[in-house]
Amino acid sequence: MSISKAVIPVAGLGTRFLPATKTTPKEMLPVVDKPAIEYVVEEAAAAGLHDVLLVTGRTKRAVEDYFDVAPELEQALEAKGDLDRLAAVRQPTELADLFFVRQGEPRGLGHAVLCAKAHVGDHHFAVLLGDDLIDARDPILPAMIALAERTGGSVVALLEVPDDQIHLYGSAQVQRVTSEVGAGLASGSVPIEPADVVLVTGLVEKPAAEDAPSNLAVIGRYVLSPAVFDVLERTEPGRGGEIQLTDALAALAADPHGPGGGVYGVVFRGRRYDTGDKLDYLKAVVRLASDRDDLGPDFRDWLGGFVASFE
């Protein structure tokens, strides 16, 4: 089994960033000098996922345009000899083979994934959510892809969170697997220990702290068996009146010997930036700018003095 397809849902309304997202898709909000969606497509391409489907909506034309060529702009930059900016403009169009499908109405993440069925076909595929940016130095997708190819099941990325934050996520009930299942998986600068690979036996969407089966939260990276489509087609609207991907994964997890091959989890311990929350979005910009060779030194000097002025 070779996994080469990625699905990126970008049809959400972005209400947490209103009024900025009234006319600008939240995926196009800049994180330093690139829109958030470009980081996500870069991550998919770096993991060998060169067939990328973006599930868009009526208000997301800017996302489609961003990954299209811009002949007039490119000609103007080339005429001025501004080759650095020309390369930056062309880069998004060269990352992967990009396809687009529209989700007619926002009916939840599960429905957005279901919109990819015709494109994905009978193949395992990755799902990347644009709200979660994974630092390029700590990739998690290669390990998840390798685990899916090894087991034939679906794989979710898990993150340990404080008990008082688990209500913001799907919570995973897990059990340990043999060390051979998790051996030899790599994740950039943060090694994945065999103990960080688990079998998911249950999932609860945004539970109260006292009802959560664990503090392991499902974050926005998945590698899914095509069996998920049949389950999604039978999944009734759940929390918020939407078709929840978590509900479909819970059904697959409950049948580990079924056609879906069960659900596994990889605990992520690298650098992650949540751009779906205003405060965390600002933190992401500061952290990524601070690490840049071109911006970091001057920005860190200024930032230190700025913070000190409040002391």
Protein backbone atom coordinates (compact mmCIF):
# COMPACT_ATOMS: atom_id res chain seq x y z
CA MET A 1 0.00 0.00 0.00
CA SER A 2 1.35 3.40 -1.01
CA ILE A 3 -0.37 6.51 0.33
CA SER A 4 -0.14 9.58 -1.89
CA LYS A 5 -3.39 11.54 -1.46
CA ALA A 6 -4.26 14.27 1.02
CA VAL A 7 -7.54 16.00 1.76
CA ILE A 8 -7.60 19.47 3.31
CA PRO A 9 -11.02 20.77 4.38
CA VAL A 10 -11.21 24.56 4.02
CA ALA A 11 -14.96 25.16 3.86
CA GLY A 12 -15.47 26.45 7.41
CA LEU A 13 -16.93 29.90 8.07
CA GLY A 14 -14.09 31.11 10.32
CA THR A 15 -16.46 32.78 12.76
CA ARG A 16 -13.85 33.02 15.53
CA PHE A 17 -11.91 35.55 13.44
CA LEU A 18 -14.77 37.81 12.45
CA PRO A 19 -14.88 40.48 11.15
CA ALA A 20 -11.58 39.76 9.33
CA THR A 21 -13.02 36.57 7.86
CA LYS A 22 -16.16 38.23 6.55
CA THR A 23 -14.49 38.52 3.13
CA THR A 24 -11.15 36.77 3.68
CA PRO A 25 -11.03 32.99 4.25
CA LYS A 26 -9.46 32.18 7.59
CA GLU A 27 -7.03 29.88 5.76
CA MET A 28 -5.67 32.95 3.96
CA LEU A 29 -4.80 34.88 7.12
CA PRO A 30 -1.03 35.43 7.04
CA VAL A 31 1.29 33.62 9.43
CA VAL A 32 4.31 35.94 9.09
CA ASP A 33 4.39 36.23 5.28
CA LYS A 34 2.52 33.16 4.04
CA PRO A 35 -1.13 32.23 4.45
CA ALA A 36 -1.78 29.40 6.88
CA ILE A 37 -3.00 27.11 4.11
CA GLU A 38 0.37 27.21 2.36
CA TYR A 39 2.11 25.74 5.42
CA VAL A 40 -0.39 22.88 5.39
CA VAL A 41 0.06 22.08 1.70
CA GLU A 42 3.83 22.25 2.17
CA GLU A 43 3.56 19.72 4.98
CA ALA A 44 1.54 17.35 2.80
CA ALA A 45 4.00 17.63 -0.07
CA ALA A 46 7.00 17.10 2.22
CA ALA A 47 5.39 13.84 3.39
CA GLY A 48 5.13 12.60 -0.20
CA LEU A 49 1.45 13.44 -0.58
CA HIS A 50 1.53 15.07 -4.00
CA ASP A 51 -2.15 14.61 -4.84
CA VAL A 52 -3.95 17.22 -2.71
CA LEU A 53 -7.69 17.86 -2.69
CA LEU A 54 -8.99 21.01 -1.01
CA VAL A 55 -12.63 20.88 0.05
CA THR A 56 -13.79 24.47 -0.34
CA GLY A 57 -17.00 26.48 -0.10
CA ARG A 58 -18.70 29.39 -1.83
CA THR A 59 -16.65 32.01 0.02
CA LYS A 60 -13.27 30.36 -0.53
CA ARG A 61 -12.45 31.45 -4.08
CA ALA A 62 -9.36 33.24 -2.75
CA VAL A 63 -7.90 29.88 -1.69
CA GLU A 64 -8.29 28.49 -5.19
CA ASP A 65 -6.84 31.64 -6.74
CA TYR A 66 -3.82 31.55 -4.43
CA PHE A 67 -2.70 28.20 -5.81
CA ASP A 68 -3.25 29.29 -9.42
CA VAL A 69 -0.72 31.02 -11.65
CA ALA A 70 -0.68 34.84 -11.75
CA PRO A 71 0.75 35.69 -15.19
CA GLU A 72 0.56 39.49 -14.92
CA LEU A 73 2.16 39.59 -11.49
CA GLU A 74 4.85 37.11 -12.50
CA GLN A 75 5.67 39.08 -15.65
CA ALA A 76 5.92 42.32 -13.66
CA LEU A 77 8.27 40.78 -11.09
CA GLU A 78 10.38 39.17 -13.80
CA ALA A 79 10.65 42.47 -15.70
CA LYS A 80 11.91 44.19 -12.54
CA GLY A 81 14.39 41.40 -11.87
CA ASP A 82 12.72 40.70 -8.50
CA LEU A 83 13.54 37.01 -8.67
CA ASP A 84 13.14 36.27 -4.94
CA ARG A 85 9.54 37.47 -4.86
CA LEU A 86 8.90 35.80 -8.21
CA ALA A 87 10.01 32.47 -6.74
CA ALA A 88 7.80 33.02 -3.69
CA VAL A 89 4.79 33.74 -5.90
CA ARG A 90 5.36 30.65 -8.02
CA GLN A 91 6.08 28.28 -5.14
CA PRO A 92 2.44 27.58 -4.12
CA THR A 93 1.57 26.50 -7.67
CA GLU A 94 4.44 24.01 -7.73
CA LEU A 95 3.97 22.27 -4.39
CA ALA A 96 1.63 19.49 -5.49
CA ASP A 97 -1.10 18.47 -7.93
CA LEU A 98 -3.97 20.46 -6.48
CA PHE A 99 -7.66 19.71 -6.95
CA PHE A 100 -10.77 21.40 -5.58
CA VAL A 101 -14.27 20.26 -4.71
CA ARG A 102 -16.99 22.34 -3.08
CA GLN A 103 -18.91 21.39 0.02
CA GLY A 104 -22.37 22.75 -0.77
CA GLU A 105 -23.17 23.61 2.86
CA PRO A 106 -21.16 23.41 6.09
CA ARG A 107 -22.40 20.11 7.54
CA GLY A 108 -19.35 19.26 9.63
CA LEU A 109 -15.88 17.82 9.22
CA GLY A 110 -17.21 14.34 8.56
CA HIS A 111 -19.29 15.60 5.65
CA ALA A 112 -16.30 17.56 4.28
CA VAL A 113 -14.24 14.36 4.27
CA LEU A 114 -17.12 12.50 2.61
CA CYS A 115 -17.00 15.07 -0.20
CA ALA A 116 -13.60 13.61 -1.11
CA LYS A 117 -14.90 10.07 -1.73
CA ALA A 118 -15.02 10.27 -5.53
CA HIS A 119 -11.51 11.72 -5.70
CA VAL A 120 -9.88 9.40 -3.18
CA GLY A 121 -11.50 6.17 -4.31
CA ASP A 122 -10.43 2.92 -2.67
CA HIS A 123 -7.18 4.22 -1.21
CA HIS A 124 -5.89 5.27 2.18
CA PHE A 125 -5.50 9.04 2.39
CA ALA A 126 -4.39 11.76 4.79
CA VAL A 127 -6.56 14.55 6.19
CA LEU A 128 -4.90 17.77 7.35
CA LEU A 129 -6.80 20.51 9.16
CA GLY A 130 -5.68 24.05 8.51
CA ASP A 131 -6.12 25.18 12.12
CA ASP A 132 -3.18 23.02 13.23
CA LEU A 133 0.23 23.97 11.89
CA ILE A 134 2.91 21.36 12.54
CA ASP A 135 6.46 22.72 12.61
CA ALA A 136 8.37 21.51 9.55
CA ARG A 137 11.19 20.38 11.85
CA ASP A 138 8.87 17.96 13.69
CA PRO A 139 6.81 16.23 10.99
CA ILE A 140 4.26 13.69 12.20
CA LEU A 141 2.70 12.60 8.89
CA PRO A 142 5.56 10.32 7.72
CA ALA A 143 5.27 8.25 10.90
CA MET A 144 1.48 8.11 10.60
CA ILE A 145 1.67 7.05 6.97
CA ALA A 146 4.20 4.32 7.81
CA LEU A 147 1.97 3.05 10.62
CA ALA A 148 -1.10 2.95 8.36
CA GLU A 149 0.87 1.04 5.73
CA ARG A 150 2.10 -1.36 8.41
CA THR A 151 -1.28 -2.06 10.02
CA GLY A 152 -3.79 -1.40 7.25
CA GLY A 153 -5.86 0.71 9.65
CA SER A 154 -6.51 4.38 10.22
CA VAL A 155 -4.18 6.57 12.29
CA VAL A 156 -4.86 9.74 14.29
CA ALA A 157 -2.41 12.20 15.80
CA LEU A 158 -2.78 12.55 19.58
CA LEU A 159 -1.59 15.26 21.94
CA GLU A 160 -1.47 15.21 25.72
CA VAL A 161 -3.42 18.23 26.99
CA PRO A 162 -4.31 19.49 30.49
CA ASP A 163 -7.52 18.02 31.87
CA ASP A 164 -9.23 21.42 31.76
CA GLN A 165 -8.68 21.64 27.99
CA ILE A 166 -9.86 18.21 26.87
CA HIS A 167 -13.40 19.55 26.34
CA LEU A 168 -12.04 21.44 23.32
CA TYR A 169 -11.02 18.23 21.51
CA GLY A 170 -11.99 14.68 20.74
CA SER A 171 -10.67 12.46 23.53
CA ALA A 172 -9.21 9.01 22.82
CA GLN A 173 -9.54 5.85 24.87
CA VAL A 174 -6.40 3.83 24.16
CA GLN A 175 -4.50 0.69 24.97
CA ARG A 176 -0.88 -0.22 24.43
CA VAL A 177 0.28 -2.30 21.48
CA THR A 178 3.29 -4.55 21.08
CA SER A 179 6.57 -2.70 20.67
CA GLU A 180 6.99 -4.11 17.15
CA VAL A 181 3.97 -2.16 15.91
CA GLY A 182 5.51 1.16 16.88
CA ALA A 183 9.17 0.37 16.26
CA GLY A 184 11.20 2.36 13.78
CA LEU A 185 8.79 5.24 13.22
CA ALA A 186 10.47 8.61 12.72
CA SER A 187 9.28 12.18 13.28
CA GLY A 188 11.95 14.70 12.45
CA SER A 189 13.84 16.09 15.43
CA VAL A 190 11.49 14.42 17.94
CA PRO A 191 11.87 10.61 17.94
CA ILE A 192 8.71 8.55 18.28
CA GLU A 193 9.08 5.95 20.98
CA PRO A 194 7.21 2.64 20.54
CA ALA A 195 5.26 3.49 23.70
CA ASP A 196 3.84 6.55 21.91
CA VAL A 197 2.02 4.29 19.44
CA VAL A 198 -1.35 3.09 20.76
CA LEU A 199 -4.51 1.31 19.68
CA VAL A 200 -7.53 3.59 19.89
CA THR A 201 -10.50 1.70 21.35
CA GLY A 202 -12.92 4.62 21.69
CA LEU A 203 -13.39 8.31 20.94
CA VAL A 204 -15.57 10.96 22.55
CA GLU A 205 -16.10 14.36 20.89
CA LYS A 206 -15.46 17.32 23.23
CA PRO A 207 -16.29 15.59 26.52
CA ALA A 208 -16.49 17.22 29.92
CA ALA A 209 -13.28 16.63 31.87
CA GLU A 210 -14.96 14.11 34.17
CA ASP A 211 -16.27 12.13 31.19
CA ALA A 212 -13.08 12.07 29.12
CA PRO A 213 -11.51 8.62 28.73
CA SER A 214 -8.01 10.18 28.74
CA ASN A 215 -6.14 13.45 28.32
CA LEU A 216 -5.06 12.38 24.82
CA ALA A 217 -6.65 14.81 22.38
CA VAL A 218 -7.11 14.16 18.68
CA ILE A 219 -5.44 16.94 16.72
CA GLY A 220 -5.81 17.81 13.06
CA ARG A 221 -3.82 15.07 11.34
CA TYR A 222 -5.34 11.79 10.19
CA VAL A 223 -4.45 8.94 7.86
CA LEU A 224 -7.70 7.19 7.04
CA SER A 225 -8.81 3.90 5.55
CA PRO A 226 -11.29 4.28 2.68
CA ALA A 227 -13.67 2.27 4.88
CA VAL A 228 -14.39 5.56 6.64
CA PHE A 229 -16.54 6.68 3.71
CA ASP A 230 -19.09 3.88 4.17
CA VAL A 231 -19.27 4.72 7.87
CA LEU A 232 -19.68 8.44 7.22
CA GLU A 233 -22.55 7.77 4.84
CA ARG A 234 -24.37 6.04 7.72
CA THR A 235 -23.37 8.55 10.41
CA GLU A 236 -26.19 10.69 11.72
CA PRO A 237 -25.55 14.34 12.64
CA GLY A 238 -24.08 14.52 16.13
CA ARG A 239 -22.74 17.35 18.25
CA GLY A 240 -23.79 20.74 16.85
CA GLY A 241 -26.08 19.07 14.31
CA GLU A 242 -23.06 18.21 12.15
CA ILE A 243 -21.67 14.95 10.80
CA GLN A 244 -18.67 14.38 13.05
CA LEU A 245 -15.53 12.61 11.80
CA THR A 246 -14.94 11.58 15.41
CA ASP A 247 -18.17 9.55 15.41
CA ALA A 248 -17.12 7.66 12.28
CA LEU A 249 -13.66 6.97 13.72
CA ALA A 250 -15.27 5.74 16.93
CA ALA A 251 -17.22 3.20 14.87
CA LEU A 252 -14.02 2.03 13.14
CA ALA A 253 -12.23 1.83 16.50
CA ALA A 254 -15.00 -0.36 17.90
CA ASP A 255 -14.36 -2.94 15.16
CA PRO A 256 -10.56 -3.38 15.04
CA HIS A 257 -10.83 -6.63 13.07
CA GLY A 258 -13.33 -5.24 10.58
CA PRO A 259 -12.72 -3.96 7.05
CA GLY A 260 -11.34 -0.66 8.33
CA GLY A 261 -8.45 -2.32 10.16
CA GLY A 262 -9.03 -0.46 13.42
CA VAL A 263 -7.70 2.90 14.53
CA TYR A 264 -4.22 3.61 15.88
CA GLY A 265 -2.80 6.74 17.44
CA VAL A 266 0.62 8.39 17.47
CA VAL A 267 1.33 10.73 20.38
CA PHE A 268 2.86 13.94 19.03
CA ARG A 269 5.51 15.66 21.15
CA GLY A 270 6.83 18.22 18.68
CA ARG A 271 6.08 21.86 17.96
CA ARG A 272 2.52 22.67 16.97
CA TYR A 273 0.79 26.00 16.40
CA ASP A 274 -2.96 26.43 16.79
CA THR A 275 -4.12 29.14 14.38
CA GLY A 276 -7.81 28.58 15.08
CA ASP A 277 -7.75 30.70 18.25
CA LYS A 278 -6.90 34.41 18.30
CA LEU A 279 -4.37 34.24 21.12
CA ASP A 280 -2.71 31.07 19.83
CA TYR A 281 -2.64 32.56 16.34
CA LEU A 282 -0.65 35.52 17.65
CA LYS A 283 1.67 33.15 19.50
CA ALA A 284 2.23 31.19 16.30
CA VAL A 285 3.23 34.32 14.39
CA VAL A 286 5.66 35.36 17.14
CA ARG A 287 7.23 31.92 17.44
CA LEU A 288 7.68 31.38 13.72
CA ALA A 289 8.98 34.92 13.14
CA SER A 290 11.44 34.52 16.02
CA ASP A 291 12.88 31.39 14.39
CA ARG A 292 13.41 32.99 10.99
CA ASP A 293 17.01 33.71 9.98
CA ASP A 294 15.98 36.89 8.17
CA LEU A 295 13.61 38.27 10.81
CA GLY A 296 14.50 36.51 14.03
CA PRO A 297 17.52 38.44 15.36
CA ASP A 298 15.99 41.92 14.97
CA PHE A 299 12.52 40.76 15.97
CA ARG A 300 13.75 39.05 19.14
CA ASP A 301 15.71 42.15 20.14
CA TRP A 302 12.65 44.33 19.69
CA LEU A 303 10.36 41.82 21.37
CA GLY A 304 12.59 41.60 24.45
CA GLY A 305 12.51 45.34 24.91
CA PHE A 306 8.79 45.53 24.25
CA VAL A 307 8.02 42.87 26.87
CA ALA A 308 10.38 44.52 29.35
CA SER A 309 8.47 47.80 29.02
CA PHE A 310 5.50 46.14 30.73
CA GLU A 311 7.48 44.97 33.75
